[in-house]
Amino acid sequence: MTDVAVAPVVRLRPPEDGGEREILSGLLDFLRASVVNKVAGLTDEQAFGRPVLASGLTPAGLVKHLTGVERYWFSIDFAGHELPPPWTDDEPGAFALAPEDSLAELVEAYLAECARSSAVVAGAALDDRARAADVSFTLRYALAHMIQETARHCGHLDLLRESIDGQAGE
C-alpha cells in the first residue's frame, strides 16, 4: 500500500435539457466523479479499513427521505401540484423521524407517493417541462435523476441492512 493522495475531480451537474444520450451520459459522468470525490483525501489505511458507521442514517429515515424526494421531483416541481412540502428549511431532506413514525406507515406513504409519481409520469411526455417556478428540467431528466437518487440510497440501505442483520444483496 502507498499513500498517494487522490485529488477531487470536477463534478459537472448533468444537463437538464437535452437528448437521452446527453442526459444519461451526464448523469453517469456526475456519479463517476462522485465516486472519485467520495474517496479523495482518504489514506490507504482509511480506504482499506472497515469503519463503523458514524452516520445518522437509518433505514426508516431513508424511506422517509425518498418519499419526500418523489413528492418534490414529480408532484410539486414537475406537475406543479399544490401539496405540502415534505420538509422544511430547518429540516432539509426529511431524514428525521418522529416518535410516532413506524416503518410500516413510512413504507405505506412511500408506496403511495410512488403511485402518485407514476400517475404523473404516465400523463406526460418525456419532453414536457416542469411547471414549478425557477425550474426548467424535462420529465426525462426527472426520471433519470430519480433513478440515480433511488440507486444511491439503495446502496445506503444495503450497507445499513448488512450492519443490522448481515443480509446483503440486491
N, C-alpha and C. Protein backbone atom coordinates (compact mmCIF):
# COMPACT_ATOMS: atom_id res chain seq x y z
N MET A 1 0.84 -1.18 0.00
CA MET A 1 0.00 0.00 0.00
C MET A 1 0.88 1.24 0.00
N THR A 2 0.43 2.21 -0.71
CA THR A 2 1.09 3.51 -0.72
C THR A 2 0.09 4.56 -0.32
N ASP A 3 0.58 5.69 0.06
CA ASP A 3 -0.33 6.78 0.42
C ASP A 3 -0.24 7.91 -0.61
N VAL A 4 -0.49 7.56 -1.87
CA VAL A 4 -0.56 8.57 -2.93
C VAL A 4 -1.92 9.24 -2.82
N ALA A 5 -1.93 10.54 -2.66
CA ALA A 5 -3.17 11.27 -2.47
C ALA A 5 -4.03 11.25 -3.73
N VAL A 6 -5.30 11.01 -3.53
CA VAL A 6 -6.27 11.10 -4.61
C VAL A 6 -6.90 12.48 -4.52
N ALA A 7 -6.83 13.21 -5.61
CA ALA A 7 -7.39 14.56 -5.63
C ALA A 7 -8.84 14.52 -6.13
N PRO A 8 -9.65 15.43 -5.62
CA PRO A 8 -11.01 15.51 -6.14
C PRO A 8 -11.00 15.92 -7.62
N VAL A 9 -12.04 15.53 -8.33
CA VAL A 9 -12.18 15.90 -9.74
C VAL A 9 -13.35 16.86 -9.88
N VAL A 10 -13.41 17.53 -11.00
CA VAL A 10 -14.52 18.44 -11.28
C VAL A 10 -15.77 17.60 -11.51
N ARG A 11 -16.83 17.98 -10.83
CA ARG A 11 -18.10 17.26 -10.97
C ARG A 11 -19.11 18.24 -11.56
N LEU A 12 -19.47 18.01 -12.81
CA LEU A 12 -20.38 18.90 -13.52
C LEU A 12 -21.81 18.39 -13.38
N ARG A 13 -22.72 19.32 -13.05
CA ARG A 13 -24.13 18.97 -12.99
C ARG A 13 -24.57 18.53 -14.38
N PRO A 14 -25.28 17.41 -14.47
CA PRO A 14 -25.69 16.93 -15.78
C PRO A 14 -26.71 17.88 -16.42
N PRO A 15 -26.79 17.88 -17.75
CA PRO A 15 -27.75 18.76 -18.41
C PRO A 15 -29.18 18.37 -18.06
N GLU A 16 -30.02 19.35 -17.83
CA GLU A 16 -31.43 19.10 -17.53
C GLU A 16 -32.28 19.12 -18.79
N ASP A 17 -31.70 19.58 -19.88
CA ASP A 17 -32.43 19.71 -21.13
C ASP A 17 -31.53 19.22 -22.24
N GLY A 18 -31.86 18.09 -22.80
CA GLY A 18 -31.04 17.56 -23.88
C GLY A 18 -31.59 16.23 -24.33
N GLY A 19 -30.88 15.61 -25.22
CA GLY A 19 -31.28 14.30 -25.70
C GLY A 19 -31.00 13.22 -24.66
N GLU A 20 -31.57 12.07 -24.87
CA GLU A 20 -31.41 10.98 -23.90
C GLU A 20 -29.95 10.61 -23.69
N ARG A 21 -29.19 10.52 -24.76
CA ARG A 21 -27.78 10.16 -24.63
C ARG A 21 -27.03 11.20 -23.79
N GLU A 22 -27.28 12.47 -24.03
CA GLU A 22 -26.61 13.54 -23.31
C GLU A 22 -26.99 13.53 -21.82
N ILE A 23 -28.27 13.37 -21.54
CA ILE A 23 -28.72 13.35 -20.14
C ILE A 23 -28.19 12.12 -19.42
N LEU A 24 -28.35 10.95 -20.02
CA LEU A 24 -27.92 9.72 -19.35
C LEU A 24 -26.40 9.70 -19.18
N SER A 25 -25.67 10.12 -20.19
CA SER A 25 -24.21 10.18 -20.07
C SER A 25 -23.79 11.21 -19.03
N GLY A 26 -24.49 12.33 -18.98
CA GLY A 26 -24.19 13.36 -17.99
C GLY A 26 -24.43 12.87 -16.57
N LEU A 27 -25.53 12.15 -16.37
CA LEU A 27 -25.79 11.59 -15.04
C LEU A 27 -24.72 10.57 -14.65
N LEU A 28 -24.34 9.73 -15.60
CA LEU A 28 -23.31 8.73 -15.32
C LEU A 28 -21.97 9.41 -15.01
N ASP A 29 -21.62 10.42 -15.78
CA ASP A 29 -20.37 11.14 -15.51
C ASP A 29 -20.41 11.83 -14.15
N PHE A 30 -21.56 12.37 -13.78
CA PHE A 30 -21.73 13.01 -12.47
C PHE A 30 -21.49 11.98 -11.36
N LEU A 31 -22.07 10.80 -11.51
CA LEU A 31 -21.88 9.75 -10.50
C LEU A 31 -20.45 9.22 -10.49
N ARG A 32 -19.84 9.14 -11.64
CA ARG A 32 -18.44 8.70 -11.70
C ARG A 32 -17.54 9.67 -10.94
N ALA A 33 -17.76 10.96 -11.17
CA ALA A 33 -16.99 11.97 -10.44
C ALA A 33 -17.31 11.90 -8.95
N SER A 34 -18.55 11.60 -8.62
CA SER A 34 -18.93 11.47 -7.20
C SER A 34 -18.15 10.36 -6.52
N VAL A 35 -17.94 9.25 -7.23
CA VAL A 35 -17.17 8.14 -6.68
C VAL A 35 -15.77 8.60 -6.32
N VAL A 36 -15.12 9.28 -7.25
CA VAL A 36 -13.75 9.75 -7.01
C VAL A 36 -13.73 10.75 -5.86
N ASN A 37 -14.66 11.68 -5.87
CA ASN A 37 -14.69 12.71 -4.82
C ASN A 37 -15.01 12.15 -3.45
N LYS A 38 -15.73 11.04 -3.39
CA LYS A 38 -16.05 10.42 -2.10
C LYS A 38 -14.81 9.80 -1.45
N VAL A 39 -13.84 9.39 -2.27
CA VAL A 39 -12.63 8.78 -1.71
C VAL A 39 -11.44 9.72 -1.70
N ALA A 40 -11.58 10.88 -2.34
CA ALA A 40 -10.48 11.86 -2.37
C ALA A 40 -10.12 12.27 -0.95
N GLY A 41 -8.81 12.29 -0.68
CA GLY A 41 -8.33 12.72 0.63
C GLY A 41 -8.18 11.61 1.65
N LEU A 42 -8.67 10.41 1.34
CA LEU A 42 -8.50 9.28 2.26
C LEU A 42 -7.10 8.71 2.13
N THR A 43 -6.55 8.24 3.23
CA THR A 43 -5.30 7.50 3.17
C THR A 43 -5.63 6.07 2.78
N ASP A 44 -4.61 5.30 2.39
CA ASP A 44 -4.85 3.89 2.09
C ASP A 44 -5.42 3.18 3.31
N GLU A 45 -4.90 3.49 4.48
CA GLU A 45 -5.40 2.84 5.70
C GLU A 45 -6.90 3.11 5.88
N GLN A 46 -7.30 4.35 5.69
CA GLN A 46 -8.72 4.67 5.82
C GLN A 46 -9.56 3.98 4.74
N ALA A 47 -9.06 4.01 3.52
CA ALA A 47 -9.82 3.47 2.40
C ALA A 47 -9.93 1.95 2.42
N PHE A 48 -8.93 1.28 3.00
CA PHE A 48 -8.95 -0.17 3.06
C PHE A 48 -9.54 -0.69 4.36
N GLY A 49 -9.78 0.19 5.29
CA GLY A 49 -10.35 -0.21 6.57
C GLY A 49 -11.85 -0.44 6.49
N ARG A 50 -12.39 -1.03 7.52
CA ARG A 50 -13.83 -1.28 7.60
C ARG A 50 -14.38 -0.45 8.76
N PRO A 51 -14.71 0.79 8.51
CA PRO A 51 -15.12 1.70 9.59
C PRO A 51 -16.50 1.36 10.14
N VAL A 52 -16.67 1.69 11.37
CA VAL A 52 -18.00 1.61 11.98
C VAL A 52 -18.79 2.79 11.45
N LEU A 53 -20.02 2.54 11.08
CA LEU A 53 -20.83 3.63 10.55
C LEU A 53 -20.95 4.74 11.59
N ALA A 54 -20.54 5.90 11.21
CA ALA A 54 -20.65 7.07 12.08
C ALA A 54 -21.69 8.02 11.50
N SER A 55 -22.75 7.46 11.02
CA SER A 55 -23.76 8.21 10.30
C SER A 55 -25.06 8.22 11.08
N GLY A 56 -25.83 9.24 10.85
CA GLY A 56 -27.16 9.31 11.42
C GLY A 56 -28.20 8.65 10.54
N LEU A 57 -27.77 8.08 9.41
CA LEU A 57 -28.73 7.44 8.50
C LEU A 57 -29.35 6.21 9.14
N THR A 58 -30.65 6.08 8.92
CA THR A 58 -31.37 4.89 9.35
C THR A 58 -32.17 4.38 8.16
N PRO A 59 -32.48 3.10 8.12
CA PRO A 59 -33.34 2.60 7.03
C PRO A 59 -34.67 3.35 6.96
N ALA A 60 -35.28 3.58 8.10
CA ALA A 60 -36.57 4.29 8.12
C ALA A 60 -36.40 5.73 7.64
N GLY A 61 -35.33 6.39 8.05
CA GLY A 61 -35.08 7.75 7.61
C GLY A 61 -34.86 7.85 6.11
N LEU A 62 -34.22 6.85 5.53
CA LEU A 62 -34.01 6.84 4.08
C LEU A 62 -35.33 6.67 3.34
N VAL A 63 -36.21 5.81 3.86
CA VAL A 63 -37.53 5.63 3.23
C VAL A 63 -38.31 6.95 3.31
N LYS A 64 -38.26 7.61 4.46
CA LYS A 64 -38.95 8.89 4.62
C LYS A 64 -38.38 9.93 3.66
N HIS A 65 -37.07 9.97 3.53
CA HIS A 65 -36.42 10.90 2.60
C HIS A 65 -36.85 10.63 1.16
N LEU A 66 -36.80 9.37 0.74
CA LEU A 66 -37.17 9.04 -0.64
C LEU A 66 -38.62 9.37 -0.93
N THR A 67 -39.49 9.27 0.06
CA THR A 67 -40.89 9.67 -0.10
C THR A 67 -40.96 11.16 -0.44
N GLY A 68 -40.21 11.95 0.31
CA GLY A 68 -40.18 13.39 0.06
C GLY A 68 -39.59 13.75 -1.28
N VAL A 69 -38.54 13.05 -1.68
CA VAL A 69 -37.90 13.32 -2.96
C VAL A 69 -38.86 13.02 -4.11
N GLU A 70 -39.57 11.91 -4.01
CA GLU A 70 -40.59 11.58 -5.02
C GLU A 70 -41.60 12.72 -5.12
N ARG A 71 -42.08 13.20 -3.99
CA ARG A 71 -43.09 14.26 -3.99
C ARG A 71 -42.54 15.54 -4.63
N TYR A 72 -41.34 15.93 -4.23
CA TYR A 72 -40.77 17.17 -4.78
C TYR A 72 -40.56 17.08 -6.28
N TRP A 73 -39.86 16.05 -6.72
CA TRP A 73 -39.48 16.00 -8.13
C TRP A 73 -40.67 15.82 -9.07
N PHE A 74 -41.59 14.92 -8.74
CA PHE A 74 -42.66 14.62 -9.67
C PHE A 74 -43.92 15.44 -9.43
N SER A 75 -44.42 15.48 -8.22
CA SER A 75 -45.71 16.13 -7.98
C SER A 75 -45.59 17.64 -7.82
N ILE A 76 -44.61 18.10 -7.04
CA ILE A 76 -44.51 19.54 -6.77
C ILE A 76 -43.79 20.25 -7.91
N ASP A 77 -42.54 19.89 -8.19
CA ASP A 77 -41.77 20.63 -9.20
C ASP A 77 -42.22 20.31 -10.63
N PHE A 78 -42.37 19.04 -10.97
CA PHE A 78 -42.72 18.73 -12.35
C PHE A 78 -44.20 19.02 -12.64
N ALA A 79 -45.10 18.45 -11.88
CA ALA A 79 -46.53 18.60 -12.17
C ALA A 79 -47.11 19.91 -11.66
N GLY A 80 -46.43 20.56 -10.72
CA GLY A 80 -46.93 21.82 -10.19
C GLY A 80 -48.11 21.67 -9.26
N HIS A 81 -48.29 20.50 -8.68
CA HIS A 81 -49.40 20.28 -7.74
C HIS A 81 -49.17 21.07 -6.45
N GLU A 82 -50.25 21.56 -5.89
CA GLU A 82 -50.20 22.28 -4.61
C GLU A 82 -50.27 21.25 -3.49
N LEU A 83 -49.12 20.79 -3.06
CA LEU A 83 -49.03 19.80 -1.98
C LEU A 83 -48.12 20.37 -0.89
N PRO A 84 -48.32 19.93 0.34
CA PRO A 84 -47.40 20.39 1.38
C PRO A 84 -45.99 19.87 1.10
N PRO A 85 -44.99 20.73 1.28
CA PRO A 85 -43.62 20.26 1.08
C PRO A 85 -43.28 19.18 2.10
N PRO A 86 -42.46 18.21 1.69
CA PRO A 86 -42.14 17.10 2.58
C PRO A 86 -41.14 17.45 3.68
N TRP A 87 -40.51 18.61 3.57
CA TRP A 87 -39.57 19.03 4.61
C TRP A 87 -39.51 20.54 4.67
N THR A 88 -38.88 21.02 5.72
CA THR A 88 -38.74 22.46 5.92
C THR A 88 -37.29 22.86 5.75
N ASP A 89 -37.04 24.15 5.72
CA ASP A 89 -35.66 24.64 5.65
C ASP A 89 -34.88 24.26 6.90
N ASP A 90 -35.59 24.12 8.03
CA ASP A 90 -34.95 23.73 9.28
C ASP A 90 -34.60 22.25 9.33
N GLU A 91 -35.28 21.45 8.51
CA GLU A 91 -35.07 20.01 8.49
C GLU A 91 -35.01 19.53 7.04
N PRO A 92 -33.96 19.94 6.30
CA PRO A 92 -33.89 19.57 4.90
C PRO A 92 -33.70 18.07 4.71
N GLY A 93 -34.36 17.54 3.71
CA GLY A 93 -34.18 16.13 3.36
C GLY A 93 -35.13 15.17 4.02
N ALA A 94 -35.80 15.58 5.08
CA ALA A 94 -36.80 14.75 5.78
C ALA A 94 -36.25 13.42 6.26
N PHE A 95 -35.01 13.42 6.74
CA PHE A 95 -34.43 12.19 7.28
C PHE A 95 -34.85 11.94 8.72
N ALA A 96 -35.19 13.02 9.43
CA ALA A 96 -35.50 12.91 10.85
C ALA A 96 -36.82 12.17 11.05
N LEU A 97 -36.82 11.32 12.05
CA LEU A 97 -38.01 10.54 12.35
C LEU A 97 -38.73 11.12 13.56
N ALA A 98 -40.05 11.05 13.51
CA ALA A 98 -40.88 11.50 14.62
C ALA A 98 -41.16 10.30 15.53
N PRO A 99 -41.41 10.55 16.81
CA PRO A 99 -41.69 9.44 17.73
C PRO A 99 -42.87 8.57 17.29
N GLU A 100 -43.82 9.18 16.59
CA GLU A 100 -45.00 8.42 16.16
C GLU A 100 -44.80 7.67 14.84
N ASP A 101 -43.68 7.86 14.17
CA ASP A 101 -43.42 7.15 12.91
C ASP A 101 -43.26 5.66 13.15
N SER A 102 -43.71 4.88 12.18
CA SER A 102 -43.44 3.44 12.18
C SER A 102 -42.98 3.07 10.79
N LEU A 103 -42.19 2.02 10.69
CA LEU A 103 -41.68 1.60 9.39
C LEU A 103 -42.83 1.26 8.46
N ALA A 104 -43.84 0.55 8.96
CA ALA A 104 -44.97 0.16 8.10
C ALA A 104 -45.66 1.40 7.53
N GLU A 105 -45.87 2.42 8.34
CA GLU A 105 -46.52 3.64 7.86
C GLU A 105 -45.62 4.40 6.89
N LEU A 106 -44.33 4.42 7.15
CA LEU A 106 -43.40 5.09 6.24
C LEU A 106 -43.36 4.40 4.89
N VAL A 107 -43.36 3.08 4.88
CA VAL A 107 -43.35 2.34 3.61
C VAL A 107 -44.68 2.53 2.89
N GLU A 108 -45.78 2.54 3.62
CA GLU A 108 -47.09 2.79 3.01
C GLU A 108 -47.12 4.17 2.35
N ALA A 109 -46.59 5.18 3.03
CA ALA A 109 -46.53 6.53 2.47
C ALA A 109 -45.62 6.57 1.25
N TYR A 110 -44.51 5.85 1.30
CA TYR A 110 -43.59 5.80 0.17
C TYR A 110 -44.27 5.18 -1.05
N LEU A 111 -44.94 4.06 -0.85
CA LEU A 111 -45.61 3.40 -1.96
C LEU A 111 -46.72 4.28 -2.54
N ALA A 112 -47.44 4.99 -1.68
CA ALA A 112 -48.49 5.90 -2.15
C ALA A 112 -47.88 7.05 -2.96
N GLU A 113 -46.76 7.59 -2.49
CA GLU A 113 -46.11 8.68 -3.21
C GLU A 113 -45.56 8.19 -4.54
N CYS A 114 -45.01 6.97 -4.55
CA CYS A 114 -44.52 6.40 -5.81
C CYS A 114 -45.67 6.20 -6.80
N ALA A 115 -46.84 5.79 -6.31
CA ALA A 115 -48.01 5.63 -7.18
C ALA A 115 -48.43 6.99 -7.75
N ARG A 116 -48.41 8.03 -6.92
CA ARG A 116 -48.74 9.38 -7.40
C ARG A 116 -47.73 9.81 -8.46
N SER A 117 -46.45 9.54 -8.21
CA SER A 117 -45.40 9.87 -9.18
C SER A 117 -45.62 9.13 -10.49
N SER A 118 -45.95 7.85 -10.40
CA SER A 118 -46.18 7.05 -11.61
C SER A 118 -47.35 7.59 -12.43
N ALA A 119 -48.37 8.08 -11.74
CA ALA A 119 -49.51 8.68 -12.44
C ALA A 119 -49.10 9.96 -13.15
N VAL A 120 -48.26 10.76 -12.52
CA VAL A 120 -47.75 11.99 -13.15
C VAL A 120 -46.95 11.62 -14.39
N VAL A 121 -46.08 10.64 -14.27
CA VAL A 121 -45.24 10.22 -15.39
C VAL A 121 -46.09 9.68 -16.53
N ALA A 122 -47.10 8.88 -16.20
CA ALA A 122 -47.94 8.28 -17.23
C ALA A 122 -48.73 9.34 -18.02
N GLY A 123 -49.00 10.48 -17.39
CA GLY A 123 -49.79 11.51 -18.05
C GLY A 123 -48.98 12.58 -18.75
N ALA A 124 -47.69 12.36 -18.93
CA ALA A 124 -46.84 13.39 -19.53
C ALA A 124 -45.88 12.77 -20.54
N ALA A 125 -45.40 13.60 -21.43
CA ALA A 125 -44.39 13.19 -22.41
C ALA A 125 -43.00 13.45 -21.82
N LEU A 126 -42.03 12.69 -22.27
CA LEU A 126 -40.66 12.82 -21.76
C LEU A 126 -40.09 14.22 -21.96
N ASP A 127 -40.52 14.92 -22.99
CA ASP A 127 -40.01 16.26 -23.26
C ASP A 127 -40.80 17.36 -22.56
N ASP A 128 -41.87 17.02 -21.85
CA ASP A 128 -42.63 18.03 -21.11
C ASP A 128 -41.74 18.65 -20.05
N ARG A 129 -41.96 19.93 -19.80
CA ARG A 129 -41.15 20.69 -18.85
C ARG A 129 -41.83 20.80 -17.50
N ALA A 130 -41.01 20.92 -16.48
CA ALA A 130 -41.51 21.12 -15.12
C ALA A 130 -42.31 22.43 -15.07
N ARG A 131 -43.35 22.44 -14.23
CA ARG A 131 -44.24 23.58 -14.16
C ARG A 131 -43.94 24.53 -13.00
N ALA A 132 -43.19 24.10 -12.03
CA ALA A 132 -42.90 24.96 -10.87
C ALA A 132 -41.98 26.10 -11.29
N ALA A 133 -42.05 27.18 -10.53
CA ALA A 133 -41.21 28.35 -10.81
C ALA A 133 -39.74 28.01 -10.59
N ASP A 134 -38.89 28.62 -11.38
CA ASP A 134 -37.44 28.53 -11.23
C ASP A 134 -36.85 27.15 -11.50
N VAL A 135 -37.57 26.29 -12.22
CA VAL A 135 -37.02 25.01 -12.66
C VAL A 135 -37.29 24.86 -14.15
N SER A 136 -36.44 24.14 -14.84
CA SER A 136 -36.61 24.01 -16.30
C SER A 136 -36.40 22.59 -16.79
N PHE A 137 -36.31 21.63 -15.90
CA PHE A 137 -35.98 20.28 -16.33
C PHE A 137 -37.16 19.62 -17.05
N THR A 138 -36.82 18.58 -17.82
CA THR A 138 -37.84 17.80 -18.51
C THR A 138 -38.20 16.58 -17.67
N LEU A 139 -39.30 15.93 -18.04
CA LEU A 139 -39.67 14.69 -17.37
C LEU A 139 -38.58 13.64 -17.56
N ARG A 140 -37.96 13.63 -18.71
CA ARG A 140 -36.86 12.69 -18.98
C ARG A 140 -35.76 12.87 -17.94
N TYR A 141 -35.41 14.12 -17.67
CA TYR A 141 -34.37 14.40 -16.67
C TYR A 141 -34.83 13.98 -15.28
N ALA A 142 -36.07 14.27 -14.93
CA ALA A 142 -36.59 13.90 -13.61
C ALA A 142 -36.52 12.39 -13.41
N LEU A 143 -36.90 11.64 -14.42
CA LEU A 143 -36.84 10.18 -14.32
C LEU A 143 -35.40 9.70 -14.13
N ALA A 144 -34.49 10.24 -14.94
CA ALA A 144 -33.09 9.84 -14.82
C ALA A 144 -32.54 10.23 -13.46
N HIS A 145 -32.88 11.43 -12.99
CA HIS A 145 -32.42 11.87 -11.67
C HIS A 145 -32.94 10.96 -10.57
N MET A 146 -34.20 10.61 -10.64
CA MET A 146 -34.78 9.76 -9.60
C MET A 146 -34.20 8.34 -9.65
N ILE A 147 -33.79 7.91 -10.82
CA ILE A 147 -33.10 6.62 -10.90
C ILE A 147 -31.81 6.69 -10.09
N GLN A 148 -31.02 7.74 -10.30
CA GLN A 148 -29.75 7.83 -9.57
C GLN A 148 -29.98 8.09 -8.09
N GLU A 149 -30.96 8.90 -7.74
CA GLU A 149 -31.24 9.18 -6.32
C GLU A 149 -31.65 7.90 -5.59
N THR A 150 -32.55 7.16 -6.21
CA THR A 150 -33.02 5.92 -5.60
C THR A 150 -31.90 4.88 -5.55
N ALA A 151 -31.10 4.80 -6.61
CA ALA A 151 -29.98 3.85 -6.63
C ALA A 151 -28.98 4.16 -5.53
N ARG A 152 -28.69 5.44 -5.36
CA ARG A 152 -27.73 5.84 -4.32
C ARG A 152 -28.23 5.43 -2.94
N HIS A 153 -29.48 5.68 -2.68
CA HIS A 153 -30.00 5.35 -1.35
C HIS A 153 -30.24 3.85 -1.18
N CYS A 154 -30.45 3.14 -2.27
CA CYS A 154 -30.49 1.67 -2.17
C CYS A 154 -29.13 1.15 -1.71
N GLY A 155 -28.06 1.76 -2.18
CA GLY A 155 -26.72 1.40 -1.72
C GLY A 155 -26.55 1.66 -0.24
N HIS A 156 -27.06 2.81 0.22
CA HIS A 156 -27.02 3.08 1.67
C HIS A 156 -27.81 2.02 2.43
N LEU A 157 -28.98 1.69 1.91
CA LEU A 157 -29.81 0.68 2.59
C LEU A 157 -29.10 -0.67 2.63
N ASP A 158 -28.37 -1.01 1.56
CA ASP A 158 -27.58 -2.26 1.56
C ASP A 158 -26.61 -2.29 2.73
N LEU A 159 -25.87 -1.19 2.90
CA LEU A 159 -24.88 -1.13 3.98
C LEU A 159 -25.54 -1.16 5.35
N LEU A 160 -26.61 -0.42 5.50
CA LEU A 160 -27.30 -0.39 6.79
C LEU A 160 -27.88 -1.77 7.13
N ARG A 161 -28.52 -2.38 6.17
CA ARG A 161 -29.13 -3.69 6.41
C ARG A 161 -28.07 -4.73 6.76
N GLU A 162 -26.95 -4.71 6.05
CA GLU A 162 -25.86 -5.64 6.34
C GLU A 162 -25.33 -5.41 7.75
N SER A 163 -25.26 -4.17 8.18
CA SER A 163 -24.80 -3.86 9.54
C SER A 163 -25.79 -4.33 10.59
N ILE A 164 -27.08 -4.31 10.25
CA ILE A 164 -28.12 -4.67 11.22
C ILE A 164 -28.20 -6.18 11.42
N ASP A 165 -28.32 -6.91 10.30
CA ASP A 165 -28.57 -8.35 10.46
C ASP A 165 -27.79 -9.22 9.49
N GLY A 166 -26.84 -8.65 8.78
CA GLY A 166 -25.99 -9.43 7.90
C GLY A 166 -26.57 -9.70 6.53
N GLN A 167 -27.81 -9.31 6.28
CA GLN A 167 -28.39 -9.53 4.96
C GLN A 167 -27.78 -8.57 3.96
N ALA A 168 -27.39 -9.12 2.81
CA ALA A 168 -26.80 -8.31 1.75
C ALA A 168 -27.29 -8.84 0.41
N GLY A 169 -27.21 -8.00 -0.57
CA GLY A 169 -27.61 -8.43 -1.90
C GLY A 169 -28.41 -7.38 -2.62
N GLU A 170 -29.11 -7.83 -3.63
CA GLU A 170 -29.87 -6.91 -4.47
C GLU A 170 -31.01 -6.38 -3.68
